[in-house]
C-alpha cells in the first residue's frame, strides 16, 4: 500500500471532512417547515424568508416548488385534510354526522397556531378536496333539506368553525401566560361586574350574570353547532 492509499490520521488538520448529504427540497418538506415557522412566529410574522431559513436554503430555491406565499398557504390548508374521511350519508343520523364534522374541523384548526386565519382565506374546491366536499354535500342532501339550503349549509358551518377557532386563538395569544387560577379570578370579577349592574337598567344582564362567562369553550362550541344544525333541520319539509 502506497502512502497515498493510507487514511488521513485523525490529528491531521488538513484532513477534509465529508459534507453531509443534502436532502432534496420537496413541497412536503417546505410545508413541514412552513408549519414550524407558523407555530413559532404566528401568521403576521410568517414569511417565505423564514421558511427558507428553517430549511437552510436560499429563498429562490422555494420558488422552484411554490409560486408564492399564497400557494404555500393553500398547500398547508390542503395538508390538514390528509387522512380525513367523512362517513357514508345516514339520513336518520345526519345531524350527529354534521356535528362530528364540526368537531373534527375544530380539532384540525387547533393543530397549528393561527391555522384558522389560513383556513378563512381558502375555499375547499381544489382537486384534492373535491371528494371531501362531495361527501359533505351528500350528508346534507340525505337529510331532505332543500338544495338551496344544503348548498349554503357547508359554508355557513365552516364559517362558524373558523370564526370560533380564530377567537380562541386570539384569546390564547392575549392570555398565553395566564394560569388557570388567574383566569378563575378574572372570570369571577367579570361575573360580579355584570351582577352589580343597576337591575332597573340592565335586568337581563343581571339575571344572566352567572352564565355570561361561566361555560367552557367546548360547551359554547357544542351549543353553537347544535343551534346551527337545528336551524338547518327546520328547513326540511315534514314527511
Protein backbone atom coordinates (compact mmCIF):
# COMPACT_ATOMS: atom_id res chain seq x y z
CA UNK A 1 0.00 0.00 0.00
CA UNK A 2 1.41 3.36 -1.00
CA UNK A 3 1.34 6.47 1.17
CA UNK A 4 -1.43 7.94 -0.96
CA UNK A 5 -3.65 4.97 -0.13
CA UNK A 6 -3.36 5.43 3.63
CA UNK A 7 -6.20 7.11 5.53
CA UNK A 8 -5.55 10.54 6.98
CA UNK A 9 -4.70 10.44 10.67
CA UNK A 10 -7.37 12.00 12.94
CA UNK A 11 -4.94 14.71 14.12
CA UNK A 12 -4.25 15.88 10.59
CA UNK A 13 -5.61 19.46 10.34
CA UNK A 14 -5.61 19.27 6.58
CA UNK A 15 -7.97 16.31 6.54
CA UNK A 16 -11.10 17.05 4.55
CA UNK A 17 -14.38 16.39 6.23
CA UNK A 18 -17.05 14.83 4.11
CA UNK A 19 -20.02 17.13 3.66
CA UNK A 20 -23.37 15.76 4.82
CA UNK A 21 -25.61 14.56 2.04
CA UNK A 22 -28.17 17.16 1.02
CA UNK A 23 -31.79 16.19 1.36
CA UNK A 24 -33.69 17.09 -1.81
CA UNK A 25 -36.08 20.01 -1.42
CA UNK A 26 -39.69 18.97 -1.96
CA UNK A 27 -43.11 20.51 -1.46
CA UNK A 28 -43.70 18.26 1.54
CA UNK A 29 -40.51 19.47 3.23
CA UNK A 30 -41.45 23.07 2.51
CA UNK A 31 -44.90 22.58 4.04
CA UNK A 32 -43.35 20.91 7.11
CA UNK A 33 -41.01 23.88 7.56
CA UNK A 34 -43.87 26.32 6.98
CA UNK A 35 -45.84 24.80 9.84
CA UNK A 36 -42.79 25.06 12.09
CA UNK A 37 -42.47 28.75 11.25
CA UNK A 38 -46.21 29.34 11.71
CA UNK A 39 -46.18 27.74 15.15
CA UNK A 40 -43.15 29.77 16.20
CA UNK A 41 -43.81 33.16 14.60
CA UNK A 42 -47.56 33.28 14.02
CA UNK A 43 -49.47 34.39 10.93
CA UNK A 44 -48.48 38.07 10.98
CA UNK A 45 -44.73 37.36 11.08
CA UNK A 46 -44.79 34.42 8.69
CA UNK A 47 -42.64 34.90 5.59
CA UNK A 48 -41.03 32.90 2.81
CA UNK A 49 -37.65 34.07 4.08
CA UNK A 50 -38.37 32.49 7.47
CA UNK A 51 -39.29 29.21 5.77
CA UNK A 52 -36.08 29.30 3.73
CA UNK A 53 -34.03 29.88 6.89
CA UNK A 54 -35.76 26.95 8.56
CA UNK A 55 -34.72 24.72 5.65
CA UNK A 56 -31.25 26.22 5.29
CA UNK A 57 -31.77 27.18 1.66
CA UNK A 58 -31.97 30.37 -0.37
CA UNK A 59 -35.42 31.90 -0.78
CA UNK A 60 -35.14 31.45 -4.53
CA UNK A 61 -34.99 27.67 -4.00
CA UNK A 62 -38.53 27.72 -2.60
CA UNK A 63 -39.94 29.31 -5.73
CA UNK A 64 -38.90 26.30 -7.78
CA UNK A 65 -41.62 24.38 -5.89
CA UNK A 66 -44.19 27.02 -4.90
CA UNK A 67 -45.16 30.17 -6.77
CA UNK A 68 -45.66 32.44 -3.74
CA UNK A 69 -46.84 32.59 -0.14
CA UNK A 70 -50.49 32.23 -1.15
CA UNK A 71 -49.80 28.94 -2.86
CA UNK A 72 -47.84 27.77 0.17
CA UNK A 73 -50.81 28.62 2.39
CA UNK A 74 -53.02 26.60 0.03
CA UNK A 75 -50.71 23.61 0.37
CA UNK A 76 -50.77 23.99 4.15
CA UNK A 77 -54.58 24.17 4.04
CA UNK A 78 -54.83 21.05 1.88
CA UNK A 79 -52.46 19.18 4.22
CA UNK A 80 -54.82 19.42 7.21
CA UNK A 81 -57.33 17.23 5.37
CA UNK A 82 -54.83 14.43 4.72
CA UNK A 83 -56.30 11.18 6.01
CA UNK A 84 -59.63 12.84 6.85
CA UNK A 85 -62.74 10.98 5.72
CA UNK A 86 -66.46 11.52 6.08
CA UNK A 87 -68.89 8.63 6.62
CA UNK A 88 -71.49 7.46 4.16
CA UNK A 89 -74.67 9.54 4.38
CA UNK A 90 -77.09 8.31 7.02
CA UNK A 91 -80.47 10.07 6.64
CA UNK A 92 -81.57 9.03 10.14
CA UNK A 93 -78.35 10.23 11.75
CA UNK A 94 -77.36 13.22 9.61
CA UNK A 95 -77.45 15.72 12.49
CA UNK A 96 -74.87 13.82 14.53
CA UNK A 97 -72.75 13.31 11.40
CA UNK A 98 -72.67 17.07 10.84
CA UNK A 99 -71.87 17.74 14.50
CA UNK A 100 -68.97 15.32 14.30
CA UNK A 101 -67.77 17.06 11.14
CA UNK A 102 -67.75 20.33 13.09
CA UNK A 103 -65.80 18.78 15.99
CA UNK A 104 -63.21 17.36 13.62
CA UNK A 105 -62.93 20.72 11.85
CA UNK A 106 -62.23 22.50 15.12
CA UNK A 107 -59.67 19.86 16.08
CA UNK A 108 -57.89 20.32 12.73
CA UNK A 109 -57.62 24.07 13.20
CA UNK A 110 -56.20 23.57 16.69
CA UNK A 111 -53.24 21.58 15.38
CA UNK A 112 -51.24 24.67 14.49
CA UNK A 113 -51.10 28.28 15.59
CA UNK A 114 -53.22 30.71 13.56
CA UNK A 115 -54.34 27.96 11.20
CA UNK A 116 -57.86 29.37 11.34
CA UNK A 117 -56.63 32.54 9.60
CA UNK A 118 -55.19 30.49 6.75
CA UNK A 119 -58.38 28.43 6.52
CA UNK A 120 -60.57 31.53 6.30
CA UNK A 121 -58.66 32.68 3.21
CA UNK A 122 -59.16 29.49 1.20
CA UNK A 123 -62.10 27.59 -0.22
CA UNK A 124 -62.05 23.77 -0.32
CA UNK A 125 -62.68 23.42 -4.05
CA UNK A 126 -59.20 22.27 -5.04
CA UNK A 127 -58.98 18.96 -6.91
CA UNK A 128 -57.58 17.30 -3.78
CA UNK A 129 -60.53 18.33 -1.62
CA UNK A 130 -63.45 18.00 -4.03
CA UNK A 131 -64.18 14.38 -2.98
CA UNK A 132 -64.37 15.54 0.65
CA UNK A 133 -66.78 18.35 -0.22
CA UNK A 134 -68.85 15.97 -2.34
CA UNK A 135 -69.27 13.63 0.64
CA UNK A 136 -70.29 16.52 2.91
CA UNK A 137 -72.90 17.68 0.39
CA UNK A 138 -74.23 14.13 0.24
CA UNK A 139 -74.80 14.14 4.01
CA UNK A 140 -76.67 17.44 3.87
CA UNK A 141 -78.86 16.35 0.96
CA UNK A 142 -79.63 12.98 2.56
CA UNK A 143 -81.49 14.86 5.29
CA UNK A 144 -84.12 16.05 2.81
CA UNK A 145 -83.38 19.76 3.18
CA UNK A 146 -83.93 21.81 0.00
CA UNK A 147 -80.93 22.06 -2.31
CA UNK A 148 -80.60 25.87 -1.97
CA UNK A 149 -80.22 25.41 1.80
CA UNK A 150 -77.93 22.38 1.51
CA UNK A 151 -75.70 24.29 -0.92
CA UNK A 152 -75.08 27.01 1.70
CA UNK A 153 -75.02 24.77 4.79
CA UNK A 154 -71.38 23.70 4.46
CA UNK A 155 -70.18 27.26 4.01
CA UNK A 156 -72.20 28.52 6.98
CA UNK A 157 -70.91 25.76 9.22
CA UNK A 158 -67.29 26.24 8.12
CA UNK A 159 -67.56 29.97 8.73
CA UNK A 160 -68.77 29.29 12.28
CA UNK A 161 -65.95 26.81 12.95
CA UNK A 162 -63.26 29.10 11.59
CA UNK A 163 -64.60 32.16 13.39
CA UNK A 164 -64.84 30.30 16.67
CA UNK A 165 -61.29 28.94 16.37
CA UNK A 166 -59.96 32.36 15.38
CA UNK A 167 -61.47 33.88 18.52
CA UNK A 168 -59.98 31.07 20.60
CA UNK A 169 -56.52 31.66 19.14
CA UNK A 170 -56.74 35.41 19.74
CA UNK A 171 -57.65 34.99 23.41
CA UNK A 172 -54.99 32.31 23.80
CA UNK A 173 -52.34 34.68 22.45
CA UNK A 174 -53.56 37.50 24.69
CA UNK A 175 -53.56 35.42 27.85
CA UNK A 176 -50.87 32.89 26.97
CA UNK A 177 -49.09 33.33 30.32
CA UNK A 178 -52.23 33.34 32.48
CA UNK A 179 -52.60 30.23 34.65
CA UNK A 180 -55.93 28.60 35.49
CA UNK A 181 -56.13 30.17 38.95
CA UNK A 182 -55.65 33.65 37.50
CA UNK A 183 -58.31 33.03 34.87
CA UNK A 184 -60.74 31.82 37.53
CA UNK A 185 -60.19 35.08 39.40
CA UNK A 186 -60.69 37.11 36.23
CA UNK A 187 -63.87 35.20 35.39
CA UNK A 188 -65.28 35.84 38.87
CA UNK A 189 -64.53 39.54 38.54
CA UNK A 190 -66.39 39.70 35.20
CA UNK A 191 -69.40 37.82 36.60
CA UNK A 192 -69.51 40.14 39.62
CA UNK A 193 -69.37 43.15 37.32
CA UNK A 194 -72.49 42.02 35.46
CA UNK A 195 -74.25 41.06 38.70
CA UNK A 196 -73.64 44.52 40.19
CA UNK A 197 -75.09 46.47 37.26
CA UNK A 198 -78.22 48.50 38.08
CA UNK A 199 -81.04 45.95 37.73
CA UNK A 200 -83.57 48.59 36.74
CA UNK A 201 -81.49 49.45 33.66
CA UNK A 202 -79.94 46.06 32.86
CA UNK A 203 -82.39 43.45 34.20
CA UNK A 204 -81.48 40.81 31.63
CA UNK A 205 -77.73 41.09 32.04
CA UNK A 206 -78.05 40.93 35.81
CA UNK A 207 -80.29 37.86 35.54
CA UNK A 208 -77.84 36.10 33.22
CA UNK A 209 -74.67 37.15 35.04
CA UNK A 210 -73.95 33.59 36.32
CA UNK A 211 -73.94 32.27 32.74
CA UNK A 212 -72.16 35.02 30.80
CA UNK A 213 -68.59 33.71 31.18
CA UNK A 214 -69.03 30.56 33.24
CA UNK A 215 -69.11 27.98 30.48
CA UNK A 216 -66.12 26.36 28.78
CA UNK A 217 -65.22 26.86 25.13
CA UNK A 218 -66.19 23.25 24.47
CA UNK A 219 -69.69 23.92 25.79
CA UNK A 220 -70.00 27.15 23.79
CA UNK A 221 -68.86 25.43 20.61
CA UNK A 222 -71.25 22.49 21.01
CA UNK A 223 -74.16 24.82 21.72
CA UNK A 224 -73.42 26.88 18.63
CA UNK A 225 -73.23 23.80 16.42
CA UNK A 226 -76.48 22.48 17.88
CA UNK A 227 -78.22 25.79 17.14
CA UNK A 228 -76.98 25.72 13.54
CA UNK A 229 -77.99 22.10 12.97
CA UNK A 230 -81.46 22.65 14.46
CA UNK A 231 -81.86 25.68 12.22
CA UNK A 232 -80.97 23.62 9.15
CA UNK A 233 -83.37 20.88 10.24
CA UNK A 234 -86.21 23.41 10.37
CA UNK A 235 -85.99 23.74 6.56
CA UNK A 236 -86.69 20.06 5.96
CA UNK A 237 -90.26 19.55 4.74
CA UNK A 238 -92.47 17.48 7.02
CA UNK A 239 -92.59 13.89 5.86
